[in-house]
Amino acid sequence: MKMRKIIAEAQAALDAGNCVVIGLQTTGESALEDHLARSRRQSFAGAEQFDGFISVTAFILSSFIGALS
């Protein structure tokens, strides 16, 4: 949905006396691409190589924790 539509729907719900909760979802694809791009830039300096599964959730959680530090 586009923002204008979301805002209109939310306002209509509020006007009707309802509560509005807007949930956001992500596939983590952009976070993964960003991490891999940084890893490729650092690969010549000995950055880790990926031989198995890559956890997008782990990257997002790690970035979040790193931002709080």
PDB file of N, CA and C in Angstrom:
ATOM      1  N   MET A   1       0.846  -1.184   0.000  1.00  0.00           N
ATOM      2  CA  MET A   1       0.000   0.000   0.000  1.00  0.00           C
ATOM      3  C   MET A   1       0.886   1.241   0.000  1.00  0.00           C
ATOM      4  N   LYS A   2       0.400   2.258  -0.619  1.00  0.00           N
ATOM      5  CA  LYS A   2       1.121   3.527  -0.650  1.00  0.00           C
ATOM      6  C   LYS A   2       0.770   4.344   0.587  1.00  0.00           C
ATOM      7  N   MET A   3       1.650   5.249   0.963  1.00  0.00           N
ATOM      8  CA  MET A   3       1.473   6.029   2.184  1.00  0.00           C
ATOM      9  C   MET A   3       0.158   6.798   2.215  1.00  0.00           C
ATOM     10  N   ARG A   4      -0.211   7.439   1.133  1.00  0.00           N
ATOM     11  CA  ARG A   4      -1.458   8.223   1.137  1.00  0.00           C
ATOM     12  C   ARG A   4      -2.657   7.338   1.437  1.00  0.00           C
ATOM     13  N   LYS A   5      -2.676   6.147   0.869  1.00  0.00           N
ATOM     14  CA  LYS A   5      -3.763   5.202   1.100  1.00  0.00           C
ATOM     15  C   LYS A   5      -3.751   4.726   2.552  1.00  0.00           C
ATOM     16  N   ILE A   6      -2.576   4.435   3.076  1.00  0.00           N
ATOM     17  CA  ILE A   6      -2.456   3.986   4.458  1.00  0.00           C
ATOM     18  C   ILE A   6      -2.936   5.073   5.417  1.00  0.00           C
ATOM     19  N   ILE A   7      -2.525   6.305   5.158  1.00  0.00           N
ATOM     20  CA  ILE A   7      -2.931   7.422   6.015  1.00  0.00           C
ATOM     21  C   ILE A   7      -4.444   7.606   5.970  1.00  0.00           C
ATOM     22  N   ALA A   8      -5.021   7.527   4.778  1.00  0.00           N
ATOM     23  CA  ALA A   8      -6.472   7.681   4.641  1.00  0.00           C
ATOM     24  C   ALA A   8      -7.206   6.568   5.377  1.00  0.00           C
ATOM     25  N   GLU A   9      -6.743   5.333   5.229  1.00  0.00           N
ATOM     26  CA  GLU A   9      -7.361   4.201   5.916  1.00  0.00           C
ATOM     27  C   GLU A   9      -7.228   4.336   7.434  1.00  0.00           C
ATOM     28  N   ALA A  10      -6.055   4.748   7.889  1.00  0.00           N
ATOM     29  CA  ALA A  10      -5.837   4.918   9.321  1.00  0.00           C
ATOM     30  C   ALA A  10      -6.719   6.036   9.877  1.00  0.00           C
ATOM     31  N   GLN A  11      -6.819   7.136   9.156  1.00  0.00           N
ATOM     32  CA  GLN A  11      -7.652   8.256   9.603  1.00  0.00           C
ATOM     33  C   GLN A  11      -9.123   7.852   9.663  1.00  0.00           C
ATOM     34  N   ALA A  12      -9.584   7.108   8.676  1.00  0.00           N
ATOM     35  CA  ALA A  12     -10.973   6.642   8.670  1.00  0.00           C
ATOM     36  C   ALA A  12     -11.240   5.737   9.873  1.00  0.00           C
ATOM     37  N   ALA A  13     -10.297   4.880  10.197  1.00  0.00           N
ATOM     38  CA  ALA A  13     -10.453   4.006  11.352  1.00  0.00           C
ATOM     39  C   ALA A  13     -10.467   4.812  12.648  1.00  0.00           C
ATOM     40  N   LEU A  14      -9.589   5.802  12.754  1.00  0.00           N
ATOM     41  CA  LEU A  14      -9.565   6.661  13.940  1.00  0.00           C
ATOM     42  C   LEU A  14     -10.864   7.451  14.071  1.00  0.00           C
ATOM     43  N   ASP A  15     -11.341   7.970  12.946  1.00  0.00           N
ATOM     44  CA  ASP A  15     -12.603   8.719  12.954  1.00  0.00           C
ATOM     45  C   ASP A  15     -13.774   7.848  13.394  1.00  0.00           C
ATOM     46  N   ALA A  16     -13.681   6.553  13.126  1.00  0.00           N
ATOM     47  CA  ALA A  16     -14.732   5.609  13.513  1.00  0.00           C
ATOM     48  C   ALA A  16     -14.559   5.128  14.957  1.00  0.00           C
ATOM     49  N   GLY A  17     -13.545   5.657  15.654  1.00  0.00           N
ATOM     50  CA  GLY A  17     -13.324   5.301  17.050  1.00  0.00           C
ATOM     51  C   GLY A  17     -12.482   4.056  17.251  1.00  0.00           C
ATOM     52  N   ASN A  18     -11.827   3.599  16.216  1.00  0.00           N
ATOM     53  CA  ASN A  18     -10.977   2.415  16.313  1.00  0.00           C
ATOM     54  C   ASN A  18      -9.532   2.802  16.574  1.00  0.00           C
ATOM     55  N   CYS A  19      -8.770   1.846  17.059  1.00  0.00           N
ATOM     56  CA  CYS A  19      -7.324   2.024  17.207  1.00  0.00           C
ATOM     57  C   CYS A  19      -6.646   1.596  15.907  1.00  0.00           C
ATOM     58  N   VAL A  20      -5.487   2.151  15.647  1.00  0.00           N
ATOM     59  CA  VAL A  20      -4.755   1.817  14.432  1.00  0.00           C
ATOM     60  C   VAL A  20      -3.372   1.291  14.813  1.00  0.00           C
ATOM     61  N   VAL A  21      -3.037   0.149  14.270  1.00  0.00           N
ATOM     62  CA  VAL A  21      -1.704  -0.416  14.433  1.00  0.00           C
ATOM     63  C   VAL A  21      -1.173  -0.691  13.038  1.00  0.00           C
ATOM     64  N   ILE A  22      -0.014  -0.146  12.748  1.00  0.00           N
ATOM     65  CA  ILE A  22       0.595  -0.344  11.434  1.00  0.00           C
ATOM     66  C   ILE A  22       1.845  -1.192  11.628  1.00  0.00           C
ATOM     67  N   GLY A  23       1.857  -2.347  11.005  1.00  0.00           N
ATOM     68  CA  GLY A  23       3.006  -3.239  11.093  1.00  0.00           C
ATOM     69  C   GLY A  23       3.858  -3.133   9.848  1.00  0.00           C
ATOM     70  N   LEU A  24       5.147  -3.136  10.043  1.00  0.00           N
ATOM     71  CA  LEU A  24       6.081  -3.088   8.920  1.00  0.00           C
ATOM     72  C   LEU A  24       6.817  -4.422   8.837  1.00  0.00           C
ATOM     73  N   GLN A  25       7.007  -4.897   7.639  1.00  0.00           N
ATOM     74  CA  GLN A  25       7.728  -6.149   7.425  1.00  0.00           C
ATOM     75  C   GLN A  25       8.900  -5.907   6.502  1.00  0.00           C
ATOM     76  N   THR A  26       9.880  -6.737   6.657  1.00  0.00           N
ATOM     77  CA  THR A  26      11.023  -6.664   5.767  1.00  0.00           C
ATOM     78  C   THR A  26      11.490  -8.077   5.452  1.00  0.00           C
ATOM     79  N   THR A  27      11.987  -8.259   4.275  1.00  0.00           N
ATOM     80  CA  THR A  27      12.578  -9.550   3.929  1.00  0.00           C
ATOM     81  C   THR A  27      14.029  -9.587   4.380  1.00  0.00           C
ATOM     82  N   GLY A  28      14.558  -8.420   4.712  1.00  0.00           N
ATOM     83  CA  GLY A  28      15.959  -8.341   5.112  1.00  0.00           C
ATOM     84  C   GLY A  28      16.902  -8.337   3.928  1.00  0.00           C
ATOM     85  N   GLU A  29      16.346  -8.317   2.731  1.00  0.00           N
ATOM     86  CA  GLU A  29      17.178  -8.405   1.536  1.00  0.00           C
ATOM     87  C   GLU A  29      18.162  -7.237   1.445  1.00  0.00           C
ATOM     88  N   SER A  30      17.706  -6.018   1.730  1.00  0.00           N
ATOM     89  CA  SER A  30      18.609  -4.876   1.618  1.00  0.00           C
ATOM     90  C   SER A  30      19.693  -4.929   2.691  1.00  0.00           C
ATOM     91  N   ALA A  31      19.339  -5.395   3.908  1.00  0.00           N
ATOM     92  CA  ALA A  31      20.349  -5.525   4.959  1.00  0.00           C
ATOM     93  C   ALA A  31      21.389  -6.565   4.562  1.00  0.00           C
ATOM     94  N   LEU A  32      20.938  -7.657   3.980  1.00  0.00           N
ATOM     95  CA  LEU A  32      21.864  -8.702   3.537  1.00  0.00           C
ATOM     96  C   LEU A  32      22.775  -8.183   2.433  1.00  0.00           C
ATOM     97  N   GLU A  33      22.198  -7.488   1.453  1.00  0.00           N
ATOM     98  CA  GLU A  33      23.005  -6.948   0.356  1.00  0.00           C
ATOM     99  C   GLU A  33      24.034  -5.953   0.873  1.00  0.00           C
ATOM    100  N   ASP A  34      23.638  -5.121   1.845  1.00  0.00           N
ATOM    101  CA  ASP A  34      24.564  -4.156   2.431  1.00  0.00           C
ATOM    102  C   ASP A  34      25.705  -4.872   3.143  1.00  0.00           C
ATOM    103  N   HIS A  35      25.370  -5.885   3.926  1.00  0.00           N
ATOM    104  CA  HIS A  35      26.396  -6.639   4.646  1.00  0.00           C
ATOM    105  C   HIS A  35      27.354  -7.329   3.679  1.00  0.00           C
ATOM    106  N   LEU A  36      26.802  -7.959   2.651  1.00  0.00           N
ATOM    107  CA  LEU A  36      27.662  -8.653   1.679  1.00  0.00           C
ATOM    108  C   LEU A  36      28.543  -7.673   0.921  1.00  0.00           C
ATOM    109  N   ALA A  37      28.010  -6.497   0.601  1.00  0.00           N
ATOM    110  CA  ALA A  37      28.820  -5.485  -0.090  1.00  0.00           C
ATOM    111  C   ALA A  37      29.973  -5.042   0.793  1.00  0.00           C
ATOM    112  N   ARG A  38      29.691  -4.821   2.091  1.00  0.00           N
ATOM    113  CA  ARG A  38      30.768  -4.441   3.014  1.00  0.00           C
ATOM    114  C   ARG A  38      31.780  -5.565   3.150  1.00  0.00           C
ATOM    115  N   SER A  39      31.307  -6.802   3.195  1.00  0.00           N
ATOM    116  CA  SER A  39      32.221  -7.949   3.315  1.00  0.00           C
ATOM    117  C   SER A  39      33.108  -8.062   2.082  1.00  0.00           C
ATOM    118  N   ARG A  40      32.518  -7.807   0.902  1.00  0.00           N
ATOM    119  CA  ARG A  40      33.325  -7.879  -0.334  1.00  0.00           C
ATOM    120  C   ARG A  40      34.403  -6.805  -0.344  1.00  0.00           C
ATOM    121  N   ARG A  41      34.063  -5.606   0.137  1.00  0.00           N
ATOM    122  CA  ARG A  41      35.058  -4.526   0.181  1.00  0.00           C
ATOM    123  C   ARG A  41      36.181  -4.873   1.142  1.00  0.00           C
ATOM    124  N   GLN A  42      35.849  -5.595   2.216  1.00  0.00           N
ATOM    125  CA  GLN A  42      36.843  -5.932   3.228  1.00  0.00           C
ATOM    126  C   GLN A  42      37.513  -7.276   2.972  1.00  0.00           C
ATOM    127  N   SER A  43      37.030  -8.017   1.968  1.00  0.00           N
ATOM    128  CA  SER A  43      37.531  -9.383   1.760  1.00  0.00           C
ATOM    129  C   SER A  43      39.029  -9.417   1.511  1.00  0.00           C
ATOM    130  N   PHE A  44      39.566  -8.363   0.936  1.00  0.00           N
ATOM    131  CA  PHE A  44      41.000  -8.334   0.687  1.00  0.00           C
ATOM    132  C   PHE A  44      41.784  -8.105   1.972  1.00  0.00           C
ATOM    133  N   ALA A  45      41.067  -7.643   3.018  1.00  0.00           N
ATOM    134  CA  ALA A  45      41.712  -7.417   4.309  1.00  0.00           C
ATOM    135  C   ALA A  45      41.444  -8.580   5.266  1.00  0.00           C
ATOM    136  N   GLY A  46      40.950  -9.711   4.743  1.00  0.00           N
ATOM    137  CA  GLY A  46      40.754 -10.893   5.564  1.00  0.00           C
ATOM    138  C   GLY A  46      39.386 -11.017   6.188  1.00  0.00           C
ATOM    139  N   ALA A  47      38.370 -10.417   5.614  1.00  0.00           N
ATOM    140  CA  ALA A  47      37.017 -10.558   6.163  1.00  0.00           C
ATOM    141  C   ALA A  47      36.556 -12.003   6.015  1.00  0.00           C
ATOM    142  N   GLU A  48      35.567 -12.360   6.838  1.00  0.00           N
ATOM    143  CA  GLU A  48      35.073 -13.735   6.805  1.00  0.00           C
ATOM    144  C   GLU A  48      34.462 -14.081   5.445  1.00  0.00           C
ATOM    145  N   GLN A  49      34.602 -15.326   5.076  1.00  0.00           N
ATOM    146  CA  GLN A  49      33.977 -15.829   3.864  1.00  0.00           C
ATOM    147  C   GLN A  49      32.771 -16.664   4.267  1.00  0.00           C
ATOM    148  N   PHE A  50      31.755 -16.719   3.436  1.00  0.00           N
ATOM    149  CA  PHE A  50      30.537 -17.440   3.753  1.00  0.00           C
ATOM    150  C   PHE A  50      30.545 -18.781   3.033  1.00  0.00           C
ATOM    151  N   ASP A  51      30.539 -19.854   3.821  1.00  0.00           N
ATOM    152  CA  ASP A  51      30.557 -21.189   3.246  1.00  0.00           C
ATOM    153  C   ASP A  51      29.233 -21.925   3.432  1.00  0.00           C
ATOM    154  N   GLY A  52      28.352 -21.393   4.273  1.00  0.00           N
ATOM    155  CA  GLY A  52      27.109 -22.091   4.573  1.00  0.00           C
ATOM    156  C   GLY A  52      25.919 -21.164   4.419  1.00  0.00           C
ATOM    157  N   PHE A  53      24.916 -21.408   5.248  1.00  0.00           N
ATOM    158  CA  PHE A  53      23.726 -20.583   5.216  1.00  0.00           C
ATOM    159  C   PHE A  53      24.018 -19.199   5.773  1.00  0.00           C
ATOM    160  N   ILE A  54      23.337 -18.210   5.232  1.00  0.00           N
ATOM    161  CA  ILE A  54      23.464 -16.838   5.708  1.00  0.00           C
ATOM    162  C   ILE A  54      22.155 -16.479   6.378  1.00  0.00           C
ATOM    163  N   SER A  55      22.216 -16.029   7.629  1.00  0.00           N
ATOM    164  CA  SER A  55      21.013 -15.676   8.372  1.00  0.00           C
ATOM    165  C   SER A  55      20.774 -14.174   8.296  1.00  0.00           C
ATOM    166  N   VAL A  56      19.754 -13.790   7.553  1.00  0.00           N
ATOM    167  CA  VAL A  56      19.390 -12.383   7.454  1.00  0.00           C
ATOM    168  C   VAL A  56      18.962 -11.877   8.827  1.00  0.00           C
ATOM    169  N   THR A  57      18.240 -12.710   9.563  1.00  0.00           N
ATOM    170  CA  THR A  57      17.794 -12.322  10.906  1.00  0.00           C
ATOM    171  C   THR A  57      18.988 -12.023  11.802  1.00  0.00           C
ATOM    172  N   ALA A  58      20.020 -12.840  11.719  1.00  0.00           N
ATOM    173  CA  ALA A  58      21.220 -12.605  12.526  1.00  0.00           C
ATOM    174  C   ALA A  58      21.881 -11.285  12.138  1.00  0.00           C
ATOM    175  N   PHE A  59      21.929 -10.970  10.838  1.00  0.00           N
ATOM    176  CA  PHE A  59      22.514  -9.708  10.400  1.00  0.00           C
ATOM    177  C   PHE A  59      21.714  -8.519  10.921  1.00  0.00           C
ATOM    178  N   ILE A  60      20.392  -8.602  10.847  1.00  0.00           N
ATOM    179  CA  ILE A  60      19.535  -7.508  11.322  1.00  0.00           C
ATOM    180  C   ILE A  60      19.703  -7.330  12.825  1.00  0.00           C
ATOM    181  N   LEU A  61      19.669  -8.428  13.576  1.00  0.00           N
ATOM    182  CA  LEU A  61      19.838  -8.352  15.030  1.00  0.00           C
ATOM    183  C   LEU A  61      21.220  -7.810  15.387  1.00  0.00           C
ATOM    184  N   SER A  62      22.233  -8.265  14.702  1.00  0.00           N
ATOM    185  CA  SER A  62      23.592  -7.793  14.959  1.00  0.00           C
ATOM    186  C   SER A  62      23.721  -6.299  14.667  1.00  0.00           C
ATOM    187  N   SER A  63      23.116  -5.831  13.588  1.00  0.00           N
ATOM    188  CA  SER A  63      23.150  -4.411  13.248  1.00  0.00           C
ATOM    189  C   SER A  63      22.417  -3.584  14.288  1.00  0.00           C
ATOM    190  N   PHE A  64      21.277  -4.102  14.753  1.00  0.00           N
ATOM    191  CA  PHE A  64      20.494  -3.401  15.761  1.00  0.00           C
ATOM    192  C   PHE A  64      21.292  -3.273  17.064  1.00  0.00           C
ATOM    193  N   ILE A  65      21.901  -4.382  17.491  1.00  0.00           N
ATOM    194  CA  ILE A  65      22.681  -4.365  18.725  1.00  0.00           C
ATOM    195  C   ILE A  65      23.889  -3.445  18.569  1.00  0.00           C
ATOM    196  N   GLY A  66      24.513  -3.491  17.396  1.00  0.00           N
ATOM    197  CA  GLY A  66      25.666  -2.624  17.143  1.00  0.00           C
ATOM    198  C   GLY A  66      25.289  -1.148  17.174  1.00  0.00           C
ATOM    199  N   ALA A  67      24.086  -0.819  16.719  1.00  0.00           N
ATOM    200  CA  ALA A  67      23.634   0.568  16.732  1.00  0.00           C
ATOM    201  C   ALA A  67      23.388   1.058  18.157  1.00  0.00           C
ATOM    202  N   LEU A  68      23.050   0.137  19.064  1.00  0.00           N
ATOM    203  CA  LEU A  68      22.787   0.515  20.448  1.00  0.00           C
ATOM    204  C   LEU A  68      24.080   0.676  21.239  1.00  0.00           C
ATOM    205  N   SER A  69      25.166   0.093  20.755  1.00  0.00           N
ATOM    206  CA  SER A  69      26.435   0.131  21.494  1.00  0.00           C
ATOM    207  C   SER A  69      27.131   1.455  21.333  1.00  0.00           C
TER     208      SER A  69
END
